[in-house]
Protein backbone atom coordinates (compact mmCIF):
# COMPACT_ATOMS: atom_id res chain seq x y z
CA UNK A 1 5.35 -16.34 16.12
CA UNK A 2 3.00 -16.53 13.17
CA UNK A 3 0.11 -18.98 13.24
CA UNK A 4 -1.92 -20.13 10.27
CA UNK A 5 -5.19 -22.00 10.40
CA UNK A 6 -5.47 -25.01 8.12
CA UNK A 7 -8.76 -25.24 6.25
CA UNK A 8 -9.76 -28.81 5.48
CA UNK A 9 -10.86 -29.79 1.99
CA UNK A 10 -13.15 -32.83 1.86
CA UNK A 11 -12.85 -35.61 -0.67
CA UNK A 12 -14.81 -35.33 -3.89
CA UNK A 13 -17.19 -38.13 -4.84
CA UNK A 14 -15.67 -40.31 -7.56
CA UNK A 15 -18.82 -40.42 -9.67
CA UNK A 16 -18.57 -36.74 -10.58
CA UNK A 17 -15.00 -36.89 -11.88
CA UNK A 18 -13.71 -38.02 -15.26
CA UNK A 19 -9.98 -38.60 -15.58
CA UNK A 20 -9.78 -37.76 -19.31
CA UNK A 21 -10.51 -34.07 -18.74
CA UNK A 22 -8.35 -32.10 -16.33
CA UNK A 23 -9.56 -29.13 -14.31
CA UNK A 24 -8.05 -25.66 -14.44
CA UNK A 25 -8.87 -23.30 -11.57
CA UNK A 26 -8.21 -19.65 -12.42
CA UNK A 27 -8.52 -16.91 -9.80
CA UNK A 28 -8.77 -13.23 -10.84
CA UNK A 29 -8.26 -10.32 -8.45
CA UNK A 30 -10.07 -7.00 -8.42
CA UNK A 31 -7.72 -5.20 -10.81
CA UNK A 32 -8.04 -8.08 -13.28
CA UNK A 33 -11.79 -7.42 -13.55
CA UNK A 34 -11.56 -3.68 -12.93
CA UNK A 35 -13.75 -2.52 -15.83
CA UNK A 36 -15.92 -4.02 -18.60
CA UNK A 37 -13.01 -4.40 -21.02
CA UNK A 38 -10.91 -6.26 -18.47
CA UNK A 39 -13.87 -8.46 -17.60
CA UNK A 40 -14.22 -9.35 -21.28
CA UNK A 41 -10.50 -10.23 -21.37
CA UNK A 42 -10.98 -12.53 -18.37
CA UNK A 43 -13.91 -14.17 -20.14
CA UNK A 44 -11.67 -14.79 -23.16
CA UNK A 45 -9.03 -16.45 -20.92
CA UNK A 46 -11.65 -18.72 -19.38
CA UNK A 47 -13.04 -19.68 -22.77
CA UNK A 48 -9.55 -20.30 -24.19
CA UNK A 49 -8.79 -22.67 -21.32
CA UNK A 50 -12.04 -24.53 -22.01
CA UNK A 51 -11.29 -24.79 -25.73
CA UNK A 52 -7.87 -26.22 -24.87
CA UNK A 53 -9.70 -29.27 -23.48
CA UNK A 54 -9.93 -28.40 -19.79
CA UNK A 55 -12.78 -28.15 -17.39
CA UNK A 56 -12.65 -24.56 -16.18
CA UNK A 57 -13.48 -23.04 -12.80
CA UNK A 58 -13.00 -19.30 -12.44
CA UNK A 59 -12.96 -17.49 -9.11
CA UNK A 60 -13.64 -13.76 -9.44
CA UNK A 61 -13.22 -10.81 -7.11
CA UNK A 62 -15.33 -7.65 -7.12
CA UNK A 63 -14.54 -5.13 -9.85
CA UNK A 64 -11.73 -2.68 -9.07
CA UNK A 65 -12.51 -0.49 -6.07
CA UNK A 66 -16.08 -1.78 -5.64
CA UNK A 67 -15.43 -3.28 -2.20
CA UNK A 68 -13.81 -0.05 -0.94
CA UNK A 69 -16.74 1.96 -2.29
CA UNK A 70 -19.23 -0.31 -0.53
CA UNK A 71 -17.28 -0.02 2.73
CA UNK A 72 -17.24 3.76 2.39
CA UNK A 73 -20.99 3.75 1.80
CA UNK A 74 -21.50 1.65 4.93
CA UNK A 75 -19.49 4.04 7.09
CA UNK A 76 -21.43 7.00 5.71
CA UNK A 77 -24.57 5.31 7.02
CA UNK A 78 -23.18 4.02 10.33
CA UNK A 79 -19.99 4.79 12.29
CA UNK A 80 -19.84 1.16 13.42
CA UNK A 81 -21.63 -1.07 10.89
CA UNK A 82 -22.94 -4.40 12.12
CA UNK A 83 -20.56 -7.13 10.82
CA UNK A 84 -23.39 -9.29 9.49
CA UNK A 85 -24.84 -6.37 7.55
CA UNK A 86 -21.37 -5.51 6.21
CA UNK A 87 -20.99 -9.01 4.82
CA UNK A 88 -24.39 -8.77 3.16
CA UNK A 89 -23.32 -5.51 1.53
CA UNK A 90 -19.79 -6.48 0.46
CA UNK A 91 -20.97 -9.71 -1.14
CA UNK A 92 -22.84 -7.68 -3.75
CA UNK A 93 -19.58 -6.68 -5.48
CA UNK A 94 -18.66 -10.22 -6.49
CA UNK A 95 -22.17 -10.99 -7.69
CA UNK A 96 -21.85 -8.08 -10.12
CA UNK A 97 -18.53 -9.26 -11.61
CA UNK A 98 -19.68 -12.90 -11.82
CA UNK A 99 -22.97 -12.04 -13.52
CA UNK A 100 -21.20 -9.83 -16.08
CA UNK A 101 -18.59 -12.53 -16.75
CA UNK A 102 -21.36 -15.06 -17.42
CA UNK A 103 -22.82 -12.71 -20.03
CA UNK A 104 -19.42 -12.19 -21.67
CA UNK A 105 -18.67 -15.94 -21.84
CA UNK A 106 -22.07 -16.69 -23.37
CA UNK A 107 -21.43 -14.02 -26.01
CA UNK A 108 -18.22 -15.90 -26.90
CA UNK A 109 -20.26 -19.01 -27.69
CA UNK A 110 -19.68 -21.05 -24.53
CA UNK A 111 -22.24 -22.09 -21.92
CA UNK A 112 -21.45 -20.59 -18.53
CA UNK A 113 -22.88 -20.44 -15.04
CA UNK A 114 -22.02 -17.96 -12.29
CA UNK A 115 -22.44 -18.94 -8.64
CA UNK A 116 -22.47 -17.12 -5.34
CA UNK A 117 -20.32 -18.49 -2.53
CA UNK A 118 -23.25 -20.39 -1.05
CA UNK A 119 -24.29 -21.80 -4.44
CA UNK A 120 -20.71 -22.95 -5.00
CA UNK A 121 -20.83 -24.85 -1.69
CA UNK A 122 -18.30 -22.80 0.29
CA UNK A 123 -19.28 -23.35 3.92
CA UNK A 124 -17.63 -21.23 6.62
CA UNK A 125 -17.69 -20.68 10.33
CA UNK A 126 -19.83 -17.89 11.80
CA UNK A 127 -17.20 -15.13 12.12
CA UNK A 128 -18.26 -12.22 9.94
CA UNK A 129 -15.50 -10.43 8.04
CA UNK A 130 -12.88 -13.09 8.85
CA UNK A 131 -14.71 -16.34 8.16
CA UNK A 132 -12.75 -19.56 7.74
CA UNK A 133 -13.76 -22.33 5.36
CA UNK A 134 -14.95 -25.45 7.18
CA UNK A 135 -16.30 -27.43 4.24
CA UNK A 136 -16.43 -27.40 0.43
CA UNK A 137 -19.64 -28.95 -0.92
CA UNK A 138 -18.93 -28.46 -4.60
CA UNK A 139 -21.38 -30.91 -6.18
CA UNK A 140 -23.13 -28.13 -8.11
CA UNK A 141 -19.79 -27.08 -9.60
CA UNK A 142 -18.97 -30.65 -10.59
CA UNK A 143 -22.37 -31.17 -12.21
CA UNK A 144 -21.93 -27.97 -14.22
CA UNK A 145 -18.47 -29.08 -15.34
CA UNK A 146 -19.81 -32.44 -16.46
CA UNK A 147 -22.38 -30.49 -18.50
CA UNK A 148 -19.40 -28.74 -20.17
CA UNK A 149 -20.18 -25.32 -18.77
CA UNK A 150 -17.54 -22.76 -17.81
CA UNK A 151 -18.12 -22.33 -14.09
CA UNK A 152 -17.14 -19.22 -12.19
CA UNK A 153 -18.03 -18.03 -8.75
CA UNK A 154 -17.51 -15.48 -6.03
CA UNK A 155 -14.28 -15.94 -4.11
CA UNK A 156 -14.57 -13.76 -1.02
CA UNK A 157 -17.91 -15.02 0.27
CA UNK A 158 -19.49 -18.17 1.58
CA UNK A 159 -22.39 -19.31 3.71
CA UNK A 160 -21.98 -19.95 7.42
CA UNK A 161 -23.12 -23.00 9.34
CA UNK A 162 -25.97 -20.74 10.53
CA UNK A 163 -26.94 -19.93 6.90
CA UNK A 164 -25.67 -16.33 6.91
CA UNK A 165 -23.58 -14.77 4.15
CA UNK A 166 -19.97 -14.41 5.33
CA UNK A 167 -16.80 -12.94 3.87
CA UNK A 168 -13.15 -13.74 4.53
CA UNK A 169 -11.47 -10.33 4.45
CA UNK A 170 -8.72 -9.07 2.14
CA UNK A 171 -7.13 -11.77 0.02
CA UNK A 172 -9.82 -14.23 1.04
CA UNK A 173 -10.68 -15.23 -2.52
CA UNK A 174 -7.36 -17.10 -2.93
CA UNK A 175 -8.34 -19.79 -0.44
CA UNK A 176 -11.52 -21.16 -2.08
CA UNK A 177 -9.72 -21.17 -5.45
CA UNK A 178 -6.98 -23.39 -4.02
CA UNK A 179 -9.52 -25.49 -2.11
CA UNK A 180 -11.49 -26.14 -5.29
CA UNK A 181 -8.27 -27.04 -7.13
CA UNK A 182 -7.46 -29.54 -4.39
CA UNK A 183 -10.98 -30.96 -4.40
CA UNK A 184 -10.88 -31.44 -8.18
CA UNK A 185 -7.44 -33.04 -8.06
CA UNK A 186 -5.94 -30.24 -10.18
CA UNK A 187 -2.16 -30.17 -10.35
CA UNK A 188 -2.03 -26.41 -10.06
CA UNK A 189 -4.10 -23.28 -9.52
CA UNK A 190 -3.51 -20.11 -11.53
CA UNK A 191 -3.60 -16.85 -9.57
CA UNK A 192 -4.03 -13.84 -11.88
CA UNK A 193 -3.17 -10.43 -10.52
CA UNK A 194 -1.84 -7.01 -11.59
CA UNK A 195 1.81 -8.05 -11.21
CA UNK A 196 3.66 -10.62 -13.29
CA UNK A 197 4.83 -12.75 -10.37
CA UNK A 198 6.63 -12.66 -7.03
CA UNK A 199 9.56 -10.23 -6.86
CA UNK A 200 12.62 -9.83 -4.68
CA UNK A 201 10.98 -6.64 -3.36
CA UNK A 202 7.99 -4.47 -4.17
CA UNK A 203 8.84 -3.03 -7.63
CA UNK A 204 7.15 0.22 -6.62
CA UNK A 205 9.85 0.70 -3.97
CA UNK A 206 12.71 -1.01 -5.80
CA UNK A 207 12.33 -0.54 -9.59
CA UNK A 208 15.16 -2.98 -10.34
CA UNK A 209 13.66 -5.80 -8.22
CA UNK A 210 13.88 -9.19 -9.93
CA UNK A 211 10.99 -11.55 -10.66
CA UNK A 212 11.49 -14.98 -9.11
CA UNK A 213 10.93 -17.99 -11.36
CA UNK A 214 10.04 -20.17 -8.39
CA UNK A 215 9.74 -20.07 -4.63
CA UNK A 216 9.02 -22.79 -2.07
CA UNK A 217 5.84 -22.99 0.02
CA UNK A 218 7.97 -22.45 3.11
CA UNK A 219 9.45 -19.21 1.81
CA UNK A 220 6.16 -17.94 0.40
CA UNK A 221 4.40 -18.55 3.70
CA UNK A 222 7.01 -16.45 5.47
CA UNK A 223 6.75 -13.75 2.81
CA UNK A 224 2.96 -13.67 3.06
CA UNK A 225 3.01 -13.44 6.85
CA UNK A 226 5.60 -10.65 6.62
CA UNK A 227 3.47 -8.46 4.37
CA UNK A 228 3.67 -9.74 0.78
CA UNK A 229 0.10 -9.41 -0.50
CA UNK A 230 0.44 -11.53 -3.61
CA UNK A 231 -1.04 -14.61 -1.89
CA UNK A 232 -3.09 -15.14 1.25
CA UNK A 233 -1.46 -17.18 4.01
CA UNK A 234 -4.38 -19.57 4.43
CA UNK A 235 -4.43 -20.36 0.71
CA UNK A 236 -0.76 -21.34 0.91
CA UNK A 237 -1.46 -23.71 3.81
CA UNK A 238 -4.21 -25.46 1.82
CA UNK A 239 -1.94 -25.61 -1.27
CA UNK A 240 0.95 -27.10 0.69
CA UNK A 241 -1.24 -29.60 2.52
CA UNK A 242 -2.67 -30.91 -0.76
CA UNK A 243 0.42 -30.37 -2.93
CA UNK A 244 -1.32 -27.95 -5.31
CA UNK A 245 1.25 -25.83 -7.12
CA UNK A 246 0.36 -22.15 -7.56
CA UNK A 247 1.20 -20.11 -10.64
CA UNK A 248 1.17 -16.38 -9.88
CA UNK A 249 0.96 -14.43 -13.13
CA UNK A 250 -0.29 -11.24 -14.75
CA UNK A 251 -3.79 -10.86 -16.11
CA UNK A 252 -2.45 -8.51 -18.74
CA UNK A 253 0.15 -10.70 -20.48
CA UNK A 254 0.84 -14.32 -21.35
CA UNK A 255 4.31 -14.30 -19.77
CA UNK A 256 5.34 -17.04 -17.37
CA UNK A 257 4.88 -15.97 -13.77
CA UNK A 258 6.25 -17.35 -10.49
CA UNK A 259 5.64 -20.96 -9.46
CA UNK A 260 5.03 -21.63 -5.78
CA UNK A 261 5.44 -25.32 -4.92
CA UNK A 262 7.37 -27.89 -2.98
CA UNK A 263 10.97 -28.17 -4.09
CA UNK A 264 11.32 -31.17 -6.37
CA UNK A 265 14.88 -31.77 -5.21
CA UNK A 266 16.64 -30.27 -2.21
CA UNK A 267 19.26 -27.93 -3.61
CA UNK A 268 22.78 -28.09 -2.27
CA UNK A 269 23.00 -24.31 -2.40
CA UNK A 270 19.80 -22.35 -2.00
CA UNK A 271 19.53 -18.59 -2.53
CA UNK A 272 20.76 -16.89 0.62
CA UNK A 273 17.94 -14.34 0.54
CA UNK A 274 14.93 -14.66 -1.76
CA UNK A 275 13.18 -11.38 -1.01
CA UNK A 276 12.83 -8.29 1.16
CA UNK A 277 9.19 -7.94 2.21
CA UNK A 278 7.57 -5.02 3.99
CA UNK A 279 4.48 -3.71 5.74
CA UNK A 280 4.22 0.05 6.12
CA UNK A 281 2.17 -0.21 9.32
CA UNK A 282 1.88 -2.79 12.08
CA UNK A 283 0.87 -1.98 15.64
CA UNK A 284 3.30 -3.16 18.33
CA UNK A 285 1.96 -3.73 21.86
CA UNK A 286 3.74 -4.05 25.19
CA UNK A 287 1.85 -5.67 28.06
CA UNK A 288 2.67 -6.59 31.64
CA UNK A 289 0.88 -8.53 34.33
CA UNK A 290 -0.61 -11.36 32.29
CA UNK A 291 0.45 -14.85 31.25
CA UNK A 292 0.91 -15.63 27.55
CA UNK A 293 -1.95 -18.14 27.75
CA UNK A 294 -4.47 -15.60 29.06
CA UNK A 295 -3.26 -12.93 26.66
CA UNK A 296 -3.49 -15.09 23.57
CA UNK A 297 -6.87 -16.47 24.61
CA UNK A 298 -8.30 -12.97 24.99
CA UNK A 299 -6.92 -11.86 21.64
CA UNK A 300 -8.17 -14.99 19.90
CA UNK A 301 -11.65 -14.50 21.33
CA UNK A 302 -11.71 -11.06 19.70
CA UNK A 303 -10.40 -12.40 16.39
CA UNK A 304 -7.08 -10.55 16.58
CA UNK A 305 -4.37 -11.99 14.31
CA UNK A 306 -1.15 -11.98 16.31
CA UNK A 307 2.04 -11.90 14.26
CA UNK A 308 5.24 -11.43 16.27
CA UNK A 309 5.20 -12.33 19.97
CA UNK A 310 8.29 -12.02 22.18
CA UNK A 311 8.77 -12.62 25.92
CA UNK A 312 12.09 -12.40 27.75
CA UNK A 313 10.70 -11.58 31.21
CA UNK A 314 7.44 -10.32 32.73
CA UNK A 315 6.81 -8.04 29.72
CA UNK A 316 5.29 -9.45 26.53
CA UNK A 317 5.72 -7.71 23.18
CA UNK A 318 3.48 -8.62 20.28
CA UNK A 319 2.37 -7.15 16.97
CA UNK A 320 -0.93 -7.27 15.10
CA UNK A 321 -2.43 -5.71 11.96
CA UNK A 322 -3.50 -2.07 12.18
CA UNK A 323 -7.08 -3.00 11.29
CA UNK A 324 -7.28 -5.12 14.48
CA UNK A 325 -6.42 -2.14 16.71
CA UNK A 326 -9.92 -1.69 18.14
CA UNK A 327 -10.49 -5.35 18.98
CA UNK A 328 -6.99 -5.68 20.43
CA UNK A 329 -7.61 -2.71 22.72
CA UNK A 330 -10.89 -4.19 23.93
CA UNK A 331 -9.21 -7.55 24.58
CA UNK A 332 -6.40 -5.95 26.58
CA UNK A 333 -8.78 -3.74 28.56
CA UNK A 334 -10.82 -6.81 29.49
CA UNK A 335 -7.71 -8.27 31.15
CA UNK A 336 -7.30 -5.22 33.42
CA UNK A 337 -3.56 -5.01 32.76
CA UNK A 338 -1.03 -2.30 31.98
CA UNK A 339 -0.43 -2.02 28.23
CA UNK A 340 0.78 0.42 25.60
CA UNK A 341 0.81 0.46 21.80
CA UNK A 342 2.94 2.02 19.07
CA UNK A 343 1.23 2.90 15.80
CA UNK A 344 4.27 4.51 14.19
CA UNK A 345 6.07 1.29 13.17
CA UNK A 346 6.24 -0.81 10.03
CA UNK A 347 8.00 -4.11 9.40
CA UNK A 348 10.77 -5.08 6.98
CA UNK A 349 11.68 -8.77 6.64
CA UNK A 350 14.46 -10.74 4.97
CA UNK A 351 13.23 -14.13 3.75
CA UNK A 352 15.39 -16.90 2.35
CA UNK A 353 15.83 -20.65 2.84
CA UNK A 354 19.58 -20.24 2.36
CA UNK A 355 20.05 -18.41 5.66
CA UNK A 356 19.59 -21.71 7.51
CA UNK A 357 23.10 -22.74 6.50
CA UNK A 358 24.79 -19.35 6.09
CA UNK A 359 25.94 -17.62 9.28
CA UNK A 360 26.37 -13.88 9.25
CA UNK A 361 23.07 -12.86 7.66
CA UNK A 362 21.86 -11.11 10.81
CA UNK A 363 25.22 -9.36 11.26
CA UNK A 364 25.11 -8.03 7.71
CA UNK A 365 21.48 -6.93 8.05
CA UNK A 366 22.09 -5.09 11.33
CA UNK A 367 25.18 -3.43 9.88
CA UNK A 368 23.21 -2.31 6.83
CA UNK A 369 20.47 -0.71 8.92
CA UNK A 370 23.03 0.89 11.23
CA UNK A 371 24.86 2.41 8.27
CA UNK A 372 21.55 3.85 7.08
CA UNK A 373 20.83 5.24 10.58
CA UNK A 374 17.68 3.12 10.88
CA UNK A 375 16.71 1.93 14.37
CA UNK A 376 14.84 -1.38 14.83
CA UNK A 377 13.28 -1.45 18.33
CA UNK A 378 11.80 -4.94 17.82
CA UNK A 379 13.49 -7.82 15.98
CA UNK A 380 12.16 -11.37 15.56
CA UNK A 381 13.40 -14.39 13.64
CA UNK A 382 12.48 -17.79 12.26
CA UNK A 383 14.85 -20.27 10.59
CA UNK A 384 14.33 -18.52 7.24
CA UNK A 385 13.26 -14.99 8.22
CA UNK A 386 14.58 -11.96 10.09
CA UNK A 387 11.94 -9.28 10.73
CA UNK A 388 12.76 -5.72 11.79
CA UNK A 389 10.14 -3.33 13.14
CA UNK A 390 11.27 0.14 12.12
CA UNK A 391 9.66 3.58 12.00
CA UNK A 392 7.03 3.77 9.27
CA UNK A 393 8.96 6.69 7.76
CA UNK A 394 12.04 4.44 7.45
CA UNK A 395 10.37 1.41 5.82
CA UNK A 396 11.13 2.39 2.23
CA UNK A 397 14.78 3.21 2.96
CA UNK A 398 15.22 -0.05 4.88
CA UNK A 399 13.83 -2.12 1.99
CA UNK A 400 16.09 -0.41 -0.53
CA UNK A 401 19.20 -0.69 1.68
CA UNK A 402 18.72 -4.39 2.43
CA UNK A 403 17.85 -5.23 -1.18
CA UNK A 404 21.10 -3.61 -2.33
CA UNK A 405 23.21 -5.06 0.47
CA UNK A 406 22.17 -8.64 -0.37
CA UNK A 407 22.56 -8.03 -4.14
CA UNK A 408 19.02 -9.08 -5.07
CA UNK A 409 18.67 -6.93 -8.20
């Protein structure tokens, strides 16, 4: 069972919007702004969009490995950094990239303004490191757009309801970009990254993987929850709720990417399998002596993101991200129950809307893994996904075998 929290986007006051100029929201990941030359290229894209007659909002991540370097610095100071202090530190990375982008845009002859998360009006809850957006108060952005400035801001950070700086964790900058697109009434949001779209498998594992021209919100949500890191799950929920199409494309070319949106017309025959998605590591827990309600409440209180959860008797099996291992252990210990965990498993998932109406997908998948001598101790399904937990050392082989078996190249 995968759960996703919906983040509400408030209405935008009518007096700050003008229908004759559309808004383009463009989000750039860390590799897209990895060095000064790439930052200048991003500035050129933002200016080009403005000169095409659009109002432009850019959402920028920290440059390259800046966030990792800041995290490393924190752990060299303290073995267990205080979450609030970590958010204060990590937020610096985006302020650097935004300030430099403002300089680059001004040098290209356009007025620009860079904003922190709080200045941009991104209000979150009080959970440090995993904050959720609770409100978007974007009046300052709208006023800057009316003044014909190119606006760009930090994506990962916001300000909590207690006036602290917060961050949203990996991939968190997608969500405010989509939220701002929804608030501005934009038809789509452009997500720029280091890949040219969404593929049938990770091209680093499967060199002949095929780029998908389009994928539905439903499929992309399953792919994101199964390990595809192209888009954050929460950003997809906001996009689907407000019907904001997403265009995933490369920062380094002008090629068409992959469109993520609602299907315009239900197809009579959908692709059987759209993609094989993987996670190299995911901790699997087995617990006994507790009800699902108590278990999930304890995990939620600790901020643990539960993915798969299976119960066929007294024992409950569930999985959670590796980075939640410490909090999960503390939650389980607080329940005074018997539990164990496996840290040697990854997850490989088949995702495709077509499997709803095509029997035999599971049989073919199991046969493929059996032929490759790959054991899957935990299997879970949804109407359009089959997920196999396999040994981490077998993840790559499983992806390649399933991709070939379902002829996705």
